[in-house]
Amino acid sequence: MERLILILVSIGLAILDNSIIPFFSIHEGYPSLLFTFAIAYSLVNKREKSVFIGIVTGI
């Protein structure tokens, strides 16, 4: 169940990254919510979960 929620959150952040976040650019640059989430999730959790989020997000 946790993996399903993680996949759904990743899909939601990918959609936000490509649709809404470009409107908040500063000097034509904007941060990636999906990349930020993946790094933060990997730092907090164990190695196995970190590898899974890396595979899901494509890092």
PDB file of N, CA and C in Angstrom:
ATOM      1  N   MET A   1       0.824  -1.190   0.000  1.00  0.00           N
ATOM      2  CA  MET A   1       0.000   0.000   0.000  1.00  0.00           C
ATOM      3  C   MET A   1       0.873   1.260   0.000  1.00  0.00           C
ATOM      4  N   GLU A   2       1.974   1.184   0.739  1.00  0.00           N
ATOM      5  CA  GLU A   2       2.870   2.343   0.798  1.00  0.00           C
ATOM      6  C   GLU A   2       3.489   2.633  -0.573  1.00  0.00           C
ATOM      7  N   ARG A   3       3.813   1.578  -1.304  1.00  0.00           N
ATOM      8  CA  ARG A   3       4.402   1.771  -2.637  1.00  0.00           C
ATOM      9  C   ARG A   3       3.398   2.384  -3.600  1.00  0.00           C
ATOM     10  N   LEU A   4       2.136   1.981  -3.492  1.00  0.00           N
ATOM     11  CA  LEU A   4       1.101   2.550  -4.353  1.00  0.00           C
ATOM     12  C   LEU A   4       0.939   4.039  -4.086  1.00  0.00           C
ATOM     13  N   ILE A   5       0.914   4.415  -2.826  1.00  0.00           N
ATOM     14  CA  ILE A   5       0.804   5.836  -2.463  1.00  0.00           C
ATOM     15  C   ILE A   5       2.020   6.598  -2.962  1.00  0.00           C
ATOM     16  N   LEU A   6       3.186   6.006  -2.830  1.00  0.00           N
ATOM     17  CA  LEU A   6       4.415   6.641  -3.301  1.00  0.00           C
ATOM     18  C   LEU A   6       4.393   6.851  -4.818  1.00  0.00           C
ATOM     19  N   ILE A   7       3.896   5.877  -5.542  1.00  0.00           N
ATOM     20  CA  ILE A   7       3.788   6.005  -7.000  1.00  0.00           C
ATOM     21  C   ILE A   7       2.784   7.086  -7.368  1.00  0.00           C
ATOM     22  N   LEU A   8       1.639   7.131  -6.682  1.00  0.00           N
ATOM     23  CA  LEU A   8       0.627   8.151  -6.966  1.00  0.00           C
ATOM     24  C   LEU A   8       1.136   9.558  -6.652  1.00  0.00           C
ATOM     25  N   VAL A   9       1.873   9.704  -5.559  1.00  0.00           N
ATOM     26  CA  VAL A   9       2.455  11.009  -5.220  1.00  0.00           C
ATOM     27  C   VAL A   9       3.474  11.419  -6.280  1.00  0.00           C
ATOM     28  N   SER A  10       4.269  10.474  -6.738  1.00  0.00           N
ATOM     29  CA  SER A  10       5.264  10.772  -7.773  1.00  0.00           C
ATOM     30  C   SER A  10       4.601  11.193  -9.082  1.00  0.00           C
ATOM     31  N   ILE A  11       3.524  10.526  -9.448  1.00  0.00           N
ATOM     32  CA  ILE A  11       2.796  10.908 -10.662  1.00  0.00           C
ATOM     33  C   ILE A  11       2.203  12.301 -10.505  1.00  0.00           C
ATOM     34  N   GLY A  12       1.627  12.577  -9.337  1.00  0.00           N
ATOM     35  CA  GLY A  12       1.070  13.909  -9.087  1.00  0.00           C
ATOM     36  C   GLY A  12       2.121  15.004  -9.149  1.00  0.00           C
ATOM     37  N   LEU A  13       3.280  14.752  -8.584  1.00  0.00           N
ATOM     38  CA  LEU A  13       4.348  15.749  -8.623  1.00  0.00           C
ATOM     39  C   LEU A  13       4.901  15.929 -10.032  1.00  0.00           C
ATOM     40  N   ALA A  14       4.943  14.861 -10.804  1.00  0.00           N
ATOM     41  CA  ALA A  14       5.394  14.980 -12.197  1.00  0.00           C
ATOM     42  C   ALA A  14       4.423  15.832 -13.008  1.00  0.00           C
ATOM     43  N   ILE A  15       3.137  15.664 -12.761  1.00  0.00           N
ATOM     44  CA  ILE A  15       2.134  16.483 -13.451  1.00  0.00           C
ATOM     45  C   ILE A  15       2.271  17.944 -13.044  1.00  0.00           C
ATOM     46  N   LEU A  16       2.452  18.198 -11.753  1.00  0.00           N
ATOM     47  CA  LEU A  16       2.642  19.576 -11.284  1.00  0.00           C
ATOM     48  C   LEU A  16       3.914  20.191 -11.863  1.00  0.00           C
ATOM     49  N   ASP A  17       4.976  19.387 -11.950  1.00  0.00           N
ATOM     50  CA  ASP A  17       6.247  19.880 -12.504  1.00  0.00           C
ATOM     51  C   ASP A  17       6.090  20.379 -13.933  1.00  0.00           C
ATOM     52  N   ASN A  18       5.258  19.718 -14.692  1.00  0.00           N
ATOM     53  CA  ASN A  18       5.133  20.057 -16.109  1.00  0.00           C
ATOM     54  C   ASN A  18       3.999  21.018 -16.422  1.00  0.00           C
ATOM     55  N   SER A  19       3.077  21.220 -15.490  1.00  0.00           N
ATOM     56  CA  SER A  19       1.923  22.057 -15.814  1.00  0.00           C
ATOM     57  C   SER A  19       1.869  23.372 -15.046  1.00  0.00           C
ATOM     58  N   ILE A  20       2.081  23.357 -13.756  1.00  0.00           N
ATOM     59  CA  ILE A  20       1.879  24.561 -12.937  1.00  0.00           C
ATOM     60  C   ILE A  20       3.181  25.250 -12.550  1.00  0.00           C
ATOM     61  N   ILE A  21       4.181  24.500 -12.184  1.00  0.00           N
ATOM     62  CA  ILE A  21       5.424  25.070 -11.667  1.00  0.00           C
ATOM     63  C   ILE A  21       6.147  25.981 -12.662  1.00  0.00           C
ATOM     64  N   PRO A  22       6.090  25.752 -13.979  1.00  0.00           N
ATOM     65  CA  PRO A  22       6.758  26.697 -14.900  1.00  0.00           C
ATOM     66  C   PRO A  22       6.241  28.131 -14.801  1.00  0.00           C
ATOM     67  N   PHE A  23       5.033  28.323 -14.302  1.00  0.00           N
ATOM     68  CA  PHE A  23       4.502  29.671 -14.139  1.00  0.00           C
ATOM     69  C   PHE A  23       5.176  30.422 -12.988  1.00  0.00           C
ATOM     70  N   PHE A  24       5.854  29.708 -12.106  1.00  0.00           N
ATOM     71  CA  PHE A  24       6.534  30.313 -10.963  1.00  0.00           C
ATOM     72  C   PHE A  24       8.038  30.409 -11.187  1.00  0.00           C
ATOM     73  N   SER A  25       8.462  30.522 -12.418  1.00  0.00           N
ATOM     74  CA  SER A  25       9.892  30.544 -12.721  1.00  0.00           C
ATOM     75  C   SER A  25      10.519  31.886 -12.338  1.00  0.00           C
ATOM     76  N   ILE A  26      11.781  31.808 -11.982  1.00  0.00           N
ATOM     77  CA  ILE A  26      12.575  32.988 -11.667  1.00  0.00           C
ATOM     78  C   ILE A  26      13.744  32.984 -12.638  1.00  0.00           C
ATOM     79  N   HIS A  27      13.810  33.988 -13.482  1.00  0.00           N
ATOM     80  CA  HIS A  27      14.840  34.067 -14.527  1.00  0.00           C
ATOM     81  C   HIS A  27      14.842  32.800 -15.380  1.00  0.00           C
ATOM     82  N   GLU A  28      13.656  32.356 -15.764  1.00  0.00           N
ATOM     83  CA  GLU A  28      13.425  31.194 -16.619  1.00  0.00           C
ATOM     84  C   GLU A  28      13.938  29.886 -16.027  1.00  0.00           C
ATOM     85  N   GLY A  29      14.013  29.799 -14.727  1.00  0.00           N
ATOM     86  CA  GLY A  29      14.412  28.569 -14.063  1.00  0.00           C
ATOM     87  C   GLY A  29      13.466  28.263 -12.918  1.00  0.00           C
ATOM     88  N   TYR A  30      13.208  27.000 -12.699  1.00  0.00           N
ATOM     89  CA  TYR A  30      12.333  26.613 -11.606  1.00  0.00           C
ATOM     90  C   TYR A  30      12.778  25.254 -11.063  1.00  0.00           C
ATOM     91  N   PRO A  31      12.544  25.015  -9.773  1.00  0.00           N
ATOM     92  CA  PRO A  31      12.969  23.752  -9.176  1.00  0.00           C
ATOM     93  C   PRO A  31      12.021  22.617  -9.556  1.00  0.00           C
ATOM     94  N   SER A  32      12.505  21.418  -9.483  1.00  0.00           N
ATOM     95  CA  SER A  32      11.688  20.240  -9.758  1.00  0.00           C
ATOM     96  C   SER A  32      11.147  19.694  -8.441  1.00  0.00           C
ATOM     97  N   LEU A  33       9.829  19.656  -8.327  1.00  0.00           N
ATOM     98  CA  LEU A  33       9.211  19.118  -7.119  1.00  0.00           C
ATOM     99  C   LEU A  33       9.473  17.624  -6.983  1.00  0.00           C
ATOM    100  N   LEU A  34       9.449  16.916  -8.089  1.00  0.00           N
ATOM    101  CA  LEU A  34       9.661  15.472  -8.060  1.00  0.00           C
ATOM    102  C   LEU A  34      11.083  15.133  -7.618  1.00  0.00           C
ATOM    103  N   PHE A  35      12.066  15.852  -8.139  1.00  0.00           N
ATOM    104  CA  PHE A  35      13.456  15.615  -7.750  1.00  0.00           C
ATOM    105  C   PHE A  35      13.672  15.954  -6.272  1.00  0.00           C
ATOM    106  N   THR A  36      13.112  17.069  -5.829  1.00  0.00           N
ATOM    107  CA  THR A  36      13.240  17.469  -4.428  1.00  0.00           C
ATOM    108  C   THR A  36      12.591  16.447  -3.507  1.00  0.00           C
ATOM    109  N   PHE A  37      11.411  15.967  -3.869  1.00  0.00           N
ATOM    110  CA  PHE A  37      10.725  14.946  -3.075  1.00  0.00           C
ATOM    111  C   PHE A  37      11.535  13.655  -3.025  1.00  0.00           C
ATOM    112  N   ALA A  38      12.080  13.233  -4.153  1.00  0.00           N
ATOM    113  CA  ALA A  38      12.846  11.990  -4.201  1.00  0.00           C
ATOM    114  C   ALA A  38      14.097  12.072  -3.328  1.00  0.00           C
ATOM    115  N   ILE A  39      14.793  13.181  -3.369  1.00  0.00           N
ATOM    116  CA  ILE A  39      15.997  13.342  -2.544  1.00  0.00           C
ATOM    117  C   ILE A  39      15.641  13.381  -1.063  1.00  0.00           C
ATOM    118  N   ALA A  40      14.606  14.138  -0.705  1.00  0.00           N
ATOM    119  CA  ALA A  40      14.192  14.220   0.702  1.00  0.00           C
ATOM    120  C   ALA A  40      13.714  12.861   1.211  1.00  0.00           C
ATOM    121  N   TYR A  41      12.955  12.146   0.408  1.00  0.00           N
ATOM    122  CA  TYR A  41      12.461  10.823   0.797  1.00  0.00           C
ATOM    123  C   TYR A  41      13.624   9.848   0.972  1.00  0.00           C
ATOM    124  N   SER A  42      14.606   9.933   0.101  1.00  0.00           N
ATOM    125  CA  SER A  42      15.760   9.038   0.180  1.00  0.00           C
ATOM    126  C   SER A  42      16.620   9.316   1.405  1.00  0.00           C
ATOM    127  N   LEU A  43      16.724  10.569   1.784  1.00  0.00           N
ATOM    128  CA  LEU A  43      17.523  10.911   2.964  1.00  0.00           C
ATOM    129  C   LEU A  43      16.874  10.440   4.256  1.00  0.00           C
ATOM    130  N   VAL A  44      15.555  10.414   4.286  1.00  0.00           N
ATOM    131  CA  VAL A  44      14.834  10.068   5.512  1.00  0.00           C
ATOM    132  C   VAL A  44      14.691   8.558   5.686  1.00  0.00           C
ATOM    133  N   ASN A  45      14.543   7.813   4.599  1.00  0.00           N
ATOM    134  CA  ASN A  45      14.242   6.387   4.679  1.00  0.00           C
ATOM    135  C   ASN A  45      15.458   5.514   4.426  1.00  0.00           C
ATOM    136  N   LYS A  46      15.233   4.203   4.565  1.00  0.00           N
ATOM    137  CA  LYS A  46      16.310   3.233   4.413  1.00  0.00           C
ATOM    138  C   LYS A  46      16.695   3.044   2.952  1.00  0.00           C
ATOM    139  N   ARG A  47      17.737   2.273   2.743  1.00  0.00           N
ATOM    140  CA  ARG A  47      18.309   2.085   1.412  1.00  0.00           C
ATOM    141  C   ARG A  47      17.326   1.452   0.422  1.00  0.00           C
ATOM    142  N   GLU A  48      16.564   0.442   0.868  1.00  0.00           N
ATOM    143  CA  GLU A  48      15.635  -0.243  -0.034  1.00  0.00           C
ATOM    144  C   GLU A  48      14.559   0.705  -0.552  1.00  0.00           C
ATOM    145  N   LYS A  49      14.019   1.523   0.329  1.00  0.00           N
ATOM    146  CA  LYS A  49      12.996   2.485  -0.079  1.00  0.00           C
ATOM    147  C   LYS A  49      13.605   3.587  -0.943  1.00  0.00           C
ATOM    148  N   SER A  50      14.847   3.917  -0.674  1.00  0.00           N
ATOM    149  CA  SER A  50      15.532   4.928  -1.481  1.00  0.00           C
ATOM    150  C   SER A  50      15.747   4.441  -2.909  1.00  0.00           C
ATOM    151  N   VAL A  51      16.110   3.181  -3.053  1.00  0.00           N
ATOM    152  CA  VAL A  51      16.291   2.614  -4.390  1.00  0.00           C
ATOM    153  C   VAL A  51      14.959   2.583  -5.127  1.00  0.00           C
ATOM    154  N   PHE A  52      13.882   2.228  -4.431  1.00  0.00           N
ATOM    155  CA  PHE A  52      12.563   2.174  -5.068  1.00  0.00           C
ATOM    156  C   PHE A  52      12.125   3.551  -5.549  1.00  0.00           C
ATOM    157  N   ILE A  53      12.291   4.581  -4.731  1.00  0.00           N
ATOM    158  CA  ILE A  53      11.886   5.929  -5.161  1.00  0.00           C
ATOM    159  C   ILE A  53      12.768   6.397  -6.310  1.00  0.00           C
ATOM    160  N   GLY A  54      14.021   6.008  -6.324  1.00  0.00           N
ATOM    161  CA  GLY A  54      14.895   6.356  -7.441  1.00  0.00           C
ATOM    162  C   GLY A  54      14.451   5.709  -8.739  1.00  0.00           C
ATOM    163  N   ILE A  55      14.009   4.469  -8.658  1.00  0.00           N
ATOM    164  CA  ILE A  55      13.516   3.777  -9.852  1.00  0.00           C
ATOM    165  C   ILE A  55      12.209   4.390 -10.326  1.00  0.00           C
ATOM    166  N   VAL A  56      11.315   4.689  -9.397  1.00  0.00           N
ATOM    167  CA  VAL A  56      10.008   5.254  -9.756  1.00  0.00           C
ATOM    168  C   VAL A  56      10.161   6.626 -10.395  1.00  0.00           C
ATOM    169  N   THR A  57      11.033   7.459  -9.847  1.00  0.00           N
ATOM    170  CA  THR A  57      11.168   8.821 -10.361  1.00  0.00           C
ATOM    171  C   THR A  57      12.131   8.923 -11.536  1.00  0.00           C
ATOM    172  N   GLY A  58      12.894   7.889 -11.788  1.00  0.00           N
ATOM    173  CA  GLY A  58      13.791   7.890 -12.937  1.00  0.00           C
ATOM    174  C   GLY A  58      15.118   8.569 -12.687  1.00  0.00           C
ATOM    175  N   ILE A  59      15.547   8.607 -11.453  1.00  0.00           N
ATOM    176  CA  ILE A  59      16.827   9.244 -11.124  1.00  0.00           C
ATOM    177  C   ILE A  59      17.947   8.256 -11.372  1.00  0.00           C
TER     178      ILE A  59
END
